[in-house]
PDB file of N, CA and C in Angstrom:
ATOM      1  N   GLY A   1      94.414  91.373  85.600  1.00  0.00           N
ATOM      2  CA  GLY A   1      94.184  91.275  86.793  1.00  0.00           C
ATOM      3  C   GLY A   1      94.707  92.608  87.468  1.00  0.00           C
ATOM      4  N   ASP A   2      93.973  93.229  88.564  1.00  0.00           N
ATOM      5  CA  ASP A   2      95.028  94.378  88.991  1.00  0.00           C
ATOM      6  C   ASP A   2      96.060  94.492  89.450  1.00  0.00           C
ATOM      7  N   ARG A   3      97.332  95.361  88.866  1.00  0.00           N
ATOM      8  CA  ARG A   3      98.469  94.615  89.438  1.00  0.00           C
ATOM      9  C   ARG A   3      99.069  95.807  90.809  1.00  0.00           C
ATOM     10  N   ARG A   4      97.900  96.136  91.246  1.00  0.00           N
ATOM     11  CA  ARG A   4      97.920  96.820  92.202  1.00  0.00           C
ATOM     12  C   ARG A   4      97.801  96.087  93.457  1.00  0.00           C
ATOM     13  N   ALA A   5      97.138  94.772  93.384  1.00  0.00           N
ATOM     14  CA  ALA A   5      96.060  93.345  94.402  1.00  0.00           C
ATOM     15  C   ALA A   5      97.266  93.218  94.700  1.00  0.00           C
ATOM     16  N   MET A   6      97.041  92.269  96.245  1.00  0.00           N
ATOM     17  CA  MET A   6      97.741  91.508  96.448  1.00  0.00           C
ATOM     18  C   MET A   6      96.894  90.401  96.605  1.00  0.00           C
ATOM     19  N   LEU A   7      97.474  89.167  96.464  1.00  0.00           N
ATOM     20  CA  LEU A   7      97.390  87.694  96.336  1.00  0.00           C
ATOM     21  C   LEU A   7      98.053  87.116  98.059  1.00  0.00           C
ATOM     22  N   ALA A   8      97.322  86.401  98.746  1.00  0.00           N
ATOM     23  CA  ALA A   8      97.743  86.010  99.717  1.00  0.00           C
ATOM     24  C   ALA A   8      97.559  84.005  99.560  1.00  0.00           C
ATOM     25  N   VAL A   9      98.486  83.324  99.691  1.00  0.00           N
ATOM     26  CA  VAL A   9      98.190  81.921  99.331  1.00  0.00           C
ATOM     27  C   VAL A   9      97.886  81.309 101.031  1.00  0.00           C
ATOM     28  N   ALA A  10      97.325  80.472 100.432  1.00  0.00           N
ATOM     29  CA  ALA A  10      97.248  79.515 101.857  1.00  0.00           C
ATOM     30  C   ALA A  10      98.457  78.273 101.832  1.00  0.00           C
ATOM     31  N   GLU A  11      99.141  78.186 103.027  1.00  0.00           N
ATOM     32  CA  GLU A  11     100.023  76.902 103.114  1.00  0.00           C
ATOM     33  C   GLU A  11      99.243  75.974 103.437  1.00  0.00           C
ATOM     34  N   ARG A  12      97.860  75.395 103.596  1.00  0.00           N
ATOM     35  CA  ARG A  12      97.539  74.291 104.208  1.00  0.00           C
ATOM     36  C   ARG A  12      95.393  74.782 103.818  1.00  0.00           C
ATOM     37  N   ARG A  13      94.740  73.684 103.652  1.00  0.00           N
ATOM     38  CA  ARG A  13      93.155  73.681 103.352  1.00  0.00           C
ATOM     39  C   ARG A  13      92.670  74.578 104.737  1.00  0.00           C
ATOM     40  N   LEU A  14      92.498  76.064 104.668  1.00  0.00           N
ATOM     41  CA  LEU A  14      91.513  76.306 105.326  1.00  0.00           C
ATOM     42  C   LEU A  14      89.960  76.498 105.509  1.00  0.00           C
ATOM     43  N   GLU A  15      89.312  75.992 106.862  1.00  0.00           N
ATOM     44  CA  GLU A  15      87.769  75.779 107.451  1.00  0.00           C
ATOM     45  C   GLU A  15      86.826  77.337 106.801  1.00  0.00           C
ATOM     46  N   ALA A  16      85.896  77.398 107.112  1.00  0.00           N
ATOM     47  CA  ALA A  16      85.083  78.956 106.746  1.00  0.00           C
ATOM     48  C   ALA A  16      85.038  78.865 107.893  1.00  0.00           C
ATOM     49  N   GLY A  17      85.322  79.706 108.553  1.00  0.00           N
ATOM     50  CA  GLY A  17      85.667  81.234 109.621  1.00  0.00           C
ATOM     51  C   GLY A  17      86.271  81.418 110.220  1.00  0.00           C
ATOM     52  N   GLU A  18      87.705  80.229 109.692  1.00  0.00           N
ATOM     53  CA  GLU A  18      89.042  79.856 110.336  1.00  0.00           C
ATOM     54  C   GLU A  18      89.540  81.340 110.531  1.00  0.00           C
ATOM     55  N   GLU A  19      90.283  81.818 111.468  1.00  0.00           N
ATOM     56  CA  GLU A  19      91.251  82.813 111.245  1.00  0.00           C
ATOM     57  C   GLU A  19      92.591  82.837 110.708  1.00  0.00           C
ATOM     58  N   VAL A  20      92.276  83.940 109.414  1.00  0.00           N
ATOM     59  CA  VAL A  20      93.356  83.993 109.068  1.00  0.00           C
ATOM     60  C   VAL A  20      94.751  84.976 109.938  1.00  0.00           C
ATOM     61  N   LEU A  21      95.724  84.578 109.719  1.00  0.00           N
ATOM     62  CA  LEU A  21      96.642  85.937 110.150  1.00  0.00           C
ATOM     63  C   LEU A  21      97.703  86.121 108.679  1.00  0.00           C
ATOM     64  N   CYS A  22      98.780  86.959 109.341  1.00  0.00           N
ATOM     65  CA  CYS A  22      99.384  87.384 107.797  1.00  0.00           C
ATOM     66  C   CYS A  22     100.470  87.849 108.725  1.00  0.00           C
ATOM     67  N   SER A  23     101.669  87.412 108.556  1.00  0.00           N
ATOM     68  CA  SER A  23     103.148  87.804 109.136  1.00  0.00           C
ATOM     69  C   SER A  23     103.702  88.468 108.135  1.00  0.00           C
ATOM     70  N   TYR A  24     104.585  89.355 108.905  1.00  0.00           N
ATOM     71  CA  TYR A  24     105.375  90.513 108.085  1.00  0.00           C
ATOM     72  C   TYR A  24     106.726  90.073 108.361  1.00  0.00           C
ATOM     73  N   GLY A  25     107.392  88.756 108.855  1.00  0.00           N
ATOM     74  CA  GLY A  25     108.282  88.207 108.933  1.00  0.00           C
ATOM     75  C   GLY A  25     109.171  89.509 110.232  1.00  0.00           C
ATOM     76  N   GLY A  26     110.481  88.803 110.727  1.00  0.00           N
ATOM     77  CA  GLY A  26     111.398  89.487 111.542  1.00  0.00           C
ATOM     78  C   GLY A  26     111.853  90.709 111.221  1.00  0.00           C
ATOM     79  N   ARG A  27     110.824  91.733 111.478  1.00  0.00           N
ATOM     80  CA  ARG A  27     111.262  93.103 110.677  1.00  0.00           C
ATOM     81  C   ARG A  27     111.441  93.817 111.363  1.00  0.00           C
ATOM     82  N   SER A  28     112.317  94.740 111.819  1.00  0.00           N
ATOM     83  CA  SER A  28     112.476  95.764 112.257  1.00  0.00           C
ATOM     84  C   SER A  28     111.479  96.982 112.196  1.00  0.00           C
ATOM     85  N   ASN A  29     111.673  97.621 112.932  1.00  0.00           N
ATOM     86  CA  ASN A  29     110.503  99.031 112.694  1.00  0.00           C
ATOM     87  C   ASN A  29     110.708  99.955 111.591  1.00  0.00           C
ATOM     88  N   VAL A  30     111.883  99.980 111.845  1.00  0.00           N
ATOM     89  CA  VAL A  30     111.917 100.959 110.275  1.00  0.00           C
ATOM     90  C   VAL A  30     111.915 100.196 109.835  1.00  0.00           C
ATOM     91  N   LEU A  31     112.264  99.528 109.084  1.00  0.00           N
ATOM     92  CA  LEU A  31     111.445  98.456 107.508  1.00  0.00           C
ATOM     93  C   LEU A  31     110.504  98.478 108.068  1.00  0.00           C
ATOM     94  N   LEU A  32     109.093  97.830 109.028  1.00  0.00           N
ATOM     95  CA  LEU A  32     108.005  97.976 108.794  1.00  0.00           C
ATOM     96  C   LEU A  32     107.676  98.858 108.786  1.00  0.00           C
ATOM     97  N   TYR A  33     108.020 100.486 109.171  1.00  0.00           N
ATOM     98  CA  TYR A  33     107.520 101.830 109.137  1.00  0.00           C
ATOM     99  C   TYR A  33     108.021 102.234 107.470  1.00  0.00           C
ATOM    100  N   ARG A  34     108.907 101.712 106.733  1.00  0.00           N
ATOM    101  CA  ARG A  34     109.466 102.252 105.675  1.00  0.00           C
ATOM    102  C   ARG A  34     108.638 101.480 104.787  1.00  0.00           C
ATOM    103  N   THR A  35     108.339 100.473 105.018  1.00  0.00           N
ATOM    104  CA  THR A  35     107.231  99.556 103.474  1.00  0.00           C
ATOM    105  C   THR A  35     106.158  99.180 103.515  1.00  0.00           C
ATOM    106  N   TYR A  36     105.762  99.410 105.242  1.00  0.00           N
ATOM    107  CA  TYR A  36     103.895  99.048 105.525  1.00  0.00           C
ATOM    108  C   TYR A  36     103.538 100.055 106.345  1.00  0.00           C
ATOM    109  N   GLY A  37     103.969 101.130 106.628  1.00  0.00           N
ATOM    110  CA  GLY A  37     103.732 102.242 107.282  1.00  0.00           C
ATOM    111  C   GLY A  37     103.382 102.397 109.191  1.00  0.00           C
ATOM    112  N   PHE A  38     103.472 101.365 109.371  1.00  0.00           N
ATOM    113  CA  PHE A  38     103.064 101.078 110.521  1.00  0.00           C
ATOM    114  C   PHE A  38     104.141 100.442 111.649  1.00  0.00           C
ATOM    115  N   THR A  39     104.644 100.518 113.060  1.00  0.00           N
ATOM    116  CA  THR A  39     105.452  99.874 113.662  1.00  0.00           C
ATOM    117  C   THR A  39     104.446  98.989 115.159  1.00  0.00           C
ATOM    118  N   THR A  40     105.822  98.319 115.588  1.00  0.00           N
ATOM    119  CA  THR A  40     105.217  97.430 116.321  1.00  0.00           C
ATOM    120  C   THR A  40     105.836  97.922 117.799  1.00  0.00           C
ATOM    121  N   PRO A  41     105.128  97.648 119.208  1.00  0.00           N
ATOM    122  CA  PRO A  41     106.247  97.954 120.342  1.00  0.00           C
ATOM    123  C   PRO A  41     107.562  97.753 120.793  1.00  0.00           C
ATOM    124  N   ALA A  42     108.902  98.256 120.946  1.00  0.00           N
ATOM    125  CA  ALA A  42     110.271  98.485 121.043  1.00  0.00           C
ATOM    126  C   ALA A  42     110.324  96.744 121.290  1.00  0.00           C
ATOM    127  N   CYS A  43     109.147  96.293 122.166  1.00  0.00           N
ATOM    128  CA  CYS A  43     110.105  94.860 123.348  1.00  0.00           C
ATOM    129  C   CYS A  43     109.400  93.985 122.435  1.00  0.00           C
ATOM    130  N   TYR A  44     108.598  94.332 121.148  1.00  0.00           N
ATOM    131  CA  TYR A  44     108.675  93.010 119.776  1.00  0.00           C
ATOM    132  C   TYR A  44     109.077  93.133 118.753  1.00  0.00           C
ATOM    133  N   GLU A  45     110.302  94.232 119.043  1.00  0.00           N
ATOM    134  CA  GLU A  45     111.143  94.201 117.763  1.00  0.00           C
ATOM    135  C   GLU A  45     111.963  93.425 117.931  1.00  0.00           C
ATOM    136  N   PRO A  46     112.291  92.630 116.846  1.00  0.00           N
ATOM    137  CA  PRO A  46     113.506  91.418 116.630  1.00  0.00           C
ATOM    138  C   PRO A  46     114.723  91.893 116.286  1.00  0.00           C
ATOM    139  N   GLY A  47     114.952  92.963 116.423  1.00  0.00           N
ATOM    140  CA  GLY A  47     116.410  93.434 116.008  1.00  0.00           C
ATOM    141  C   GLY A  47     116.781  94.909 114.828  1.00  0.00           C
ATOM    142  N   TRP A  48     117.260  95.434 114.397  1.00  0.00           N
ATOM    143  CA  TRP A  48     117.306  97.007 114.344  1.00  0.00           C
ATOM    144  C   TRP A  48     118.158  96.819 112.835  1.00  0.00           C
ATOM    145  N   SER A  49     117.225  97.978 112.460  1.00  0.00           N
ATOM    146  CA  SER A  49     117.751  98.139 111.430  1.00  0.00           C
ATOM    147  C   SER A  49     118.667  99.455 110.877  1.00  0.00           C
ATOM    148  N   PHE A  50     119.643  99.362 109.996  1.00  0.00           N
ATOM    149  CA  PHE A  50     119.755 100.875 109.289  1.00  0.00           C
ATOM    150  C   PHE A  50     120.113 101.033 107.998  1.00  0.00           C
ATOM    151  N   ILE A  51     119.552 102.086 107.336  1.00  0.00           N
ATOM    152  CA  ILE A  51     119.750 102.203 105.527  1.00  0.00           C
ATOM    153  C   ILE A  51     120.472 103.588 105.076  1.00  0.00           C
ATOM    154  N   VAL A  52     121.656 103.133 104.575  1.00  0.00           N
ATOM    155  CA  VAL A  52     122.590 104.544 104.180  1.00  0.00           C
ATOM    156  C   VAL A  52     121.923 105.367 103.186  1.00  0.00           C
ATOM    157  N   ARG A  53     122.085 106.249 103.516  1.00  0.00           N
ATOM    158  CA  ARG A  53     121.521 106.835 102.593  1.00  0.00           C
ATOM    159  C   ARG A  53     122.483 107.483 101.385  1.00  0.00           C
ATOM    160  N   PRO A  54     122.068 107.323 100.583  1.00  0.00           N
ATOM    161  CA  PRO A  54     123.646 107.783  99.504  1.00  0.00           C
ATOM    162  C   PRO A  54     124.368 109.087  99.347  1.00  0.00           C
ATOM    163  N   ASN A  55     123.315 109.822 100.146  1.00  0.00           N
ATOM    164  CA  ASN A  55     123.694 111.296  99.580  1.00  0.00           C
ATOM    165  C   ASN A  55     124.648 111.806 100.733  1.00  0.00           C
ATOM    166  N   LEU A  56     124.966 110.858 101.740  1.00  0.00           N
ATOM    167  CA  LEU A  56     125.018 111.479 102.907  1.00  0.00           C
ATOM    168  C   LEU A  56     127.239 110.392 103.315  1.00  0.00           C
ATOM    169  N   VAL A  57     127.008 109.729 102.288  1.00  0.00           N
ATOM    170  CA  VAL A  57     128.088 108.635 102.018  1.00  0.00           C
ATOM    171  C   VAL A  57     128.644 109.230 100.573  1.00  0.00           C
ATOM    172  N   MET A  58     128.346 109.974  99.859  1.00  0.00           N
ATOM    173  CA  MET A  58     128.849 110.427  98.463  1.00  0.00           C
ATOM    174  C   MET A  58     130.049 110.060  98.103  1.00  0.00           C
ATOM    175  N   PRO A  59     130.471 110.383  99.067  1.00  0.00           N
ATOM    176  CA  PRO A  59     131.969 110.460  98.465  1.00  0.00           C
ATOM    177  C   PRO A  59     132.452 109.036  98.390  1.00  0.00           C
ATOM    178  N   ILE A  60     132.191 108.064  99.778  1.00  0.00           N
ATOM    179  CA  ILE A  60     132.275 106.329  99.801  1.00  0.00           C
ATOM    180  C   ILE A  60     131.792 105.886  98.401  1.00  0.00           C
ATOM    181  N   TYR A  61     131.120 106.234  97.855  1.00  0.00           N
ATOM    182  CA  TYR A  61     130.455 105.566  96.256  1.00  0.00           C
ATOM    183  C   TYR A  61     130.830 105.901  95.283  1.00  0.00           C
ATOM    184  N   GLU A  62     131.545 107.327  95.517  1.00  0.00           N
ATOM    185  CA  GLU A  62     132.419 107.685  94.109  1.00  0.00           C
ATOM    186  C   GLU A  62     132.972 107.337  93.916  1.00  0.00           C
ATOM    187  N   THR A  63     134.090 106.868  94.505  1.00  0.00           N
ATOM    188  CA  THR A  63     135.255 106.115  94.911  1.00  0.00           C
ATOM    189  C   THR A  63     135.203 104.579  94.756  1.00  0.00           C
ATOM    190  N   TYR A  64     134.117 103.557  94.920  1.00  0.00           N
ATOM    191  CA  TYR A  64     133.888 102.754  95.420  1.00  0.00           C
ATOM    192  C   TYR A  64     132.743 101.870  94.391  1.00  0.00           C
ATOM    193  N   MET A  65     132.038 102.405  93.904  1.00  0.00           N
ATOM    194  CA  MET A  65     130.878 101.971  93.579  1.00  0.00           C
ATOM    195  C   MET A  65     130.341 102.348  91.875  1.00  0.00           C
ATOM    196  N   PRO A  66     130.056 101.385  91.523  1.00  0.00           N
ATOM    197  CA  PRO A  66     130.144 101.912  90.083  1.00  0.00           C
ATOM    198  C   PRO A  66     129.295 103.045  89.676  1.00  0.00           C
ATOM    199  N   GLU A  67     129.185 103.896  89.127  1.00  0.00           N
ATOM    200  CA  GLU A  67     129.055 105.715  88.729  1.00  0.00           C
ATOM    201  C   GLU A  67     127.338 105.083  88.864  1.00  0.00           C
ATOM    202  N   ASP A  68     126.302 104.433  88.175  1.00  0.00           N
ATOM    203  CA  ASP A  68     125.020 103.641  87.809  1.00  0.00           C
ATOM    204  C   ASP A  68     124.417 103.543  88.979  1.00  0.00           C
ATOM    205  N   GLU A  69     125.231 103.074  90.060  1.00  0.00           N
ATOM    206  CA  GLU A  69     124.157 102.298  90.899  1.00  0.00           C
ATOM    207  C   GLU A  69     124.893 103.441  92.501  1.00  0.00           C
ATOM    208  N   ARG A  70     125.345 104.403  92.215  1.00  0.00           N
ATOM    209  CA  ARG A  70     126.175 104.867  93.326  1.00  0.00           C
ATOM    210  C   ARG A  70     124.141 105.843  94.007  1.00  0.00           C
ATOM    211  N   GLY A  71     123.000 105.499  93.696  1.00  0.00           N
ATOM    212  CA  GLY A  71     121.611 105.892  94.210  1.00  0.00           C
ATOM    213  C   GLY A  71     121.495 104.471  94.937  1.00  0.00           C
ATOM    214  N   LEU A  72     122.025 103.568  95.071  1.00  0.00           N
ATOM    215  CA  LEU A  72     121.363 102.258  95.489  1.00  0.00           C
ATOM    216  C   LEU A  72     121.748 102.256  97.225  1.00  0.00           C
ATOM    217  N   LEU A  73     120.149 101.560  97.908  1.00  0.00           N
ATOM    218  CA  LEU A  73     120.246 102.260  99.255  1.00  0.00           C
ATOM    219  C   LEU A  73     121.225 101.039 100.080  1.00  0.00           C
ATOM    220  N   ILE A  74     121.154 101.201 100.911  1.00  0.00           N
ATOM    221  CA  ILE A  74     121.981  99.459 101.811  1.00  0.00           C
ATOM    222  C   ILE A  74     121.767  99.296 102.448  1.00  0.00           C
ATOM    223  N   VAL A  75     121.379  98.414 103.340  1.00  0.00           N
ATOM    224  CA  VAL A  75     120.053  98.225 104.516  1.00  0.00           C
ATOM    225  C   VAL A  75     121.033  97.566 105.200  1.00  0.00           C
ATOM    226  N   PHE A  76     121.650  97.447 106.050  1.00  0.00           N
ATOM    227  CA  PHE A  76     121.736  96.693 107.567  1.00  0.00           C
ATOM    228  C   PHE A  76     121.419  96.217 108.542  1.00  0.00           C
ATOM    229  N   GLU A  77     121.280  95.350 108.749  1.00  0.00           N
ATOM    230  CA  GLU A  77     120.448  94.367 109.862  1.00  0.00           C
ATOM    231  C   GLU A  77     121.507  93.859 110.968  1.00  0.00           C
ATOM    232  N   SER A  78     120.717  93.508 111.913  1.00  0.00           N
ATOM    233  CA  SER A  78     121.375  93.050 113.114  1.00  0.00           C
ATOM    234  C   SER A  78     121.136  91.525 113.007  1.00  0.00           C
ATOM    235  N   LYS A  79     120.174  90.668 112.202  1.00  0.00           N
ATOM    236  CA  LYS A  79     119.528  89.631 112.223  1.00  0.00           C
ATOM    237  C   LYS A  79     120.620  88.587 111.173  1.00  0.00           C
ATOM    238  N   GLU A  80     120.671  89.007 109.765  1.00  0.00           N
ATOM    239  CA  GLU A  80     121.473  88.720 108.743  1.00  0.00           C
ATOM    240  C   GLU A  80     121.652  89.687 107.747  1.00  0.00           C
ATOM    241  N   ILE A  81     122.375  89.426 107.209  1.00  0.00           N
ATOM    242  CA  ILE A  81     122.421  89.696 105.732  1.00  0.00           C
ATOM    243  C   ILE A  81     121.859  89.956 104.769  1.00  0.00           C
ATOM    244  N   ASP A  82     121.684  91.738 104.542  1.00  0.00           N
ATOM    245  CA  ASP A  82     120.855  92.028 103.586  1.00  0.00           C
ATOM    246  C   ASP A  82     121.367  91.576 101.952  1.00  0.00           C
ATOM    247  N   PRO A  83     120.299  91.215 101.488  1.00  0.00           N
ATOM    248  CA  PRO A  83     120.299  91.564  99.608  1.00  0.00           C
ATOM    249  C   PRO A  83     121.223  92.624  99.295  1.00  0.00           C
ATOM    250  N   THR A  84     121.185  93.831  99.844  1.00  0.00           N
ATOM    251  CA  THR A  84     122.056  94.984  99.388  1.00  0.00           C
ATOM    252  C   THR A  84     123.024  95.527  99.539  1.00  0.00           C
ATOM    253  N   LEU A  85     122.988  94.872 101.047  1.00  0.00           N
ATOM    254  CA  LEU A  85     124.584  94.746 101.392  1.00  0.00           C
ATOM    255  C   LEU A  85     125.524  94.133 100.497  1.00  0.00           C
ATOM    256  N   CYS A  86     124.743  92.370 100.374  1.00  0.00           N
ATOM    257  CA  CYS A  86     125.337  91.877  99.767  1.00  0.00           C
ATOM    258  C   CYS A  86     125.649  92.424  97.875  1.00  0.00           C
ATOM    259  N   LYS A  87     124.783  93.099  97.568  1.00  0.00           N
ATOM    260  CA  LYS A  87     125.077  93.047  96.472  1.00  0.00           C
ATOM    261  C   LYS A  87     125.760  94.712  96.029  1.00  0.00           C
ATOM    262  N   ALA A  88     126.082  95.480  97.017  1.00  0.00           N
ATOM    263  CA  ALA A  88     126.947  96.334  97.145  1.00  0.00           C
ATOM    264  C   ALA A  88     128.457  96.420  96.797  1.00  0.00           C
ATOM    265  N   MET A  89     128.401  95.278  98.000  1.00  0.00           N
ATOM    266  CA  MET A  89     130.045  94.869  98.024  1.00  0.00           C
ATOM    267  C   MET A  89     130.360  94.091  97.123  1.00  0.00           C
ATOM    268  N   ASN A  90     129.420  93.040  96.680  1.00  0.00           N
ATOM    269  CA  ASN A  90     129.844  92.388  95.087  1.00  0.00           C
ATOM    270  C   ASN A  90     130.101  93.523  93.709  1.00  0.00           C
ATOM    271  N   LEU A  91     129.547  94.291  93.852  1.00  0.00           N
ATOM    272  CA  LEU A  91     129.677  95.901  92.649  1.00  0.00           C
ATOM    273  C   LEU A  91     130.914  96.167  93.141  1.00  0.00           C
ATOM    274  N   VAL A  92     131.018  96.468  94.511  1.00  0.00           N
ATOM    275  CA  VAL A  92     132.855  97.255  94.602  1.00  0.00           C
ATOM    276  C   VAL A  92     133.591  96.235  94.480  1.00  0.00           C
ATOM    277  N   ALA A  93     133.789  95.143  94.969  1.00  0.00           N
ATOM    278  CA  ALA A  93     134.796  93.839  94.056  1.00  0.00           C
ATOM    279  C   ALA A  93     135.024  93.721  93.099  1.00  0.00           C
ATOM    280  N   ALA A  94     133.678  93.937  91.813  1.00  0.00           N
ATOM    281  CA  ALA A  94     134.112  93.486  90.626  1.00  0.00           C
ATOM    282  C   ALA A  94     134.424  94.722  89.980  1.00  0.00           C
ATOM    283  N   ALA A  95     134.484  96.204  90.810  1.00  0.00           N
ATOM    284  CA  ALA A  95     134.776  97.421  90.265  1.00  0.00           C
ATOM    285  C   ALA A  95     136.879  97.886  90.632  1.00  0.00           C
ATOM    286  N   GLY A  96     136.800  96.257  90.810  1.00  0.00           N
ATOM    287  CA  GLY A  96     138.671  96.019  91.614  1.00  0.00           C
ATOM    288  C   GLY A  96     138.988  96.632  93.480  1.00  0.00           C
ATOM    289  N   HIS A  97     138.071  96.939  93.501  1.00  0.00           N
ATOM    290  CA  HIS A  97     137.783  97.430  94.945  1.00  0.00           C
ATOM    291  C   HIS A  97     138.297  96.270  95.907  1.00  0.00           C
ATOM    292  N   GLU A  98     138.484  96.922  97.106  1.00  0.00           N
ATOM    293  CA  GLU A  98     138.767  95.987  98.558  1.00  0.00           C
ATOM    294  C   GLU A  98     137.211  96.416  99.132  1.00  0.00           C
ATOM    295  N   ALA A  99     136.213  95.104  99.143  1.00  0.00           N
ATOM    296  CA  ALA A  99     134.853  95.478 100.024  1.00  0.00           C
ATOM    297  C   ALA A  99     134.963  95.721 100.855  1.00  0.00           C
ATOM    298  N   ALA A 100     136.564  94.803 101.638  1.00  0.00           N
ATOM    299  CA  ALA A 100     136.013  95.221 103.140  1.00  0.00           C
ATOM    300  C   ALA A 100     136.565  96.517 103.637  1.00  0.00           C
ATOM    301  N   ASP A 101     136.912  97.573 102.446  1.00  0.00           N
ATOM    302  CA  ASP A 101     137.271  98.349 103.352  1.00  0.00           C
ATOM    303  C   ASP A 101     136.387  99.755 102.744  1.00  0.00           C
ATOM    304  N   PHE A 102     135.764  99.548 101.760  1.00  0.00           N
ATOM    305  CA  PHE A 102     134.618  99.978 101.888  1.00  0.00           C
ATOM    306  C   PHE A 102     133.357 100.344 103.165  1.00  0.00           C
ATOM    307  N   LEU A 103     133.130  98.975 103.166  1.00  0.00           N
ATOM    308  CA  LEU A 103     131.985  98.968 104.227  1.00  0.00           C
ATOM    309  C   LEU A 103     132.543  98.890 105.786  1.00  0.00           C
ATOM    310  N   ARG A 104     134.082  99.622 105.951  1.00  0.00           N
ATOM    311  CA  ARG A 104     134.901  99.652 107.323  1.00  0.00           C
ATOM    312  C   ARG A 104     134.635 101.442 107.040  1.00  0.00           C
ATOM    313  N   LEU A 105     134.514 102.016 105.413  1.00  0.00           N
ATOM    314  CA  LEU A 105     134.320 103.566 105.691  1.00  0.00           C
ATOM    315  C   LEU A 105     133.189 103.897 105.865  1.00  0.00           C
ATOM    316  N   LEU A 106     132.042 102.760 105.649  1.00  0.00           N
ATOM    317  CA  LEU A 106     130.361 103.025 105.091  1.00  0.00           C
ATOM    318  C   LEU A 106     130.102 103.549 106.902  1.00  0.00           C
ATOM    319  N   CYS A 107     130.631 102.160 107.911  1.00  0.00           N
ATOM    320  CA  CYS A 107     130.469 102.388 108.893  1.00  0.00           C
ATOM    321  C   CYS A 107     131.298 103.210 109.935  1.00  0.00           C
ATOM    322  N   ALA A 108     132.432 103.334 109.461  1.00  0.00           N
ATOM    323  CA  ALA A 108     132.952 104.673 109.998  1.00  0.00           C
ATOM    324  C   ALA A 108     131.826 106.118 110.168  1.00  0.00           C
ATOM    325  N   ARG A 109     131.236 106.264 108.702  1.00  0.00           N
ATOM    326  CA  ARG A 109     130.625 107.196 108.458  1.00  0.00           C
ATOM    327  C   ARG A 109     129.280 107.642 109.093  1.00  0.00           C
ATOM    328  N   CYS A 110     128.746 106.693 108.963  1.00  0.00           N
ATOM    329  CA  CYS A 110     127.240 106.138 109.512  1.00  0.00           C
ATOM    330  C   CYS A 110     127.364 106.278 110.744  1.00  0.00           C
TER     331      CYS A 110
END
């Protein structure tokens, strides 16, 4: 098949002519725009997101992150802990550093 194809799977049997809706989940406008190229009115935005740009915090990354992970984009979400933040915190801890210090410095810089 085409690697660019998108497959949608229904959770239940659909009737002919029935309207089908697609949910993008509870994503902020930042992530909707970055991922899909559109946003929703601010009144419908479920929360906020902030994406850490490695080039703006490179001294922190150089101190705490393994060299091969210093390009990691970390996403902060107001509703949940993003997997990228978990990954970063685990990498920092595995490198023998204090993950809380890393997070504190990132928040102070951003």
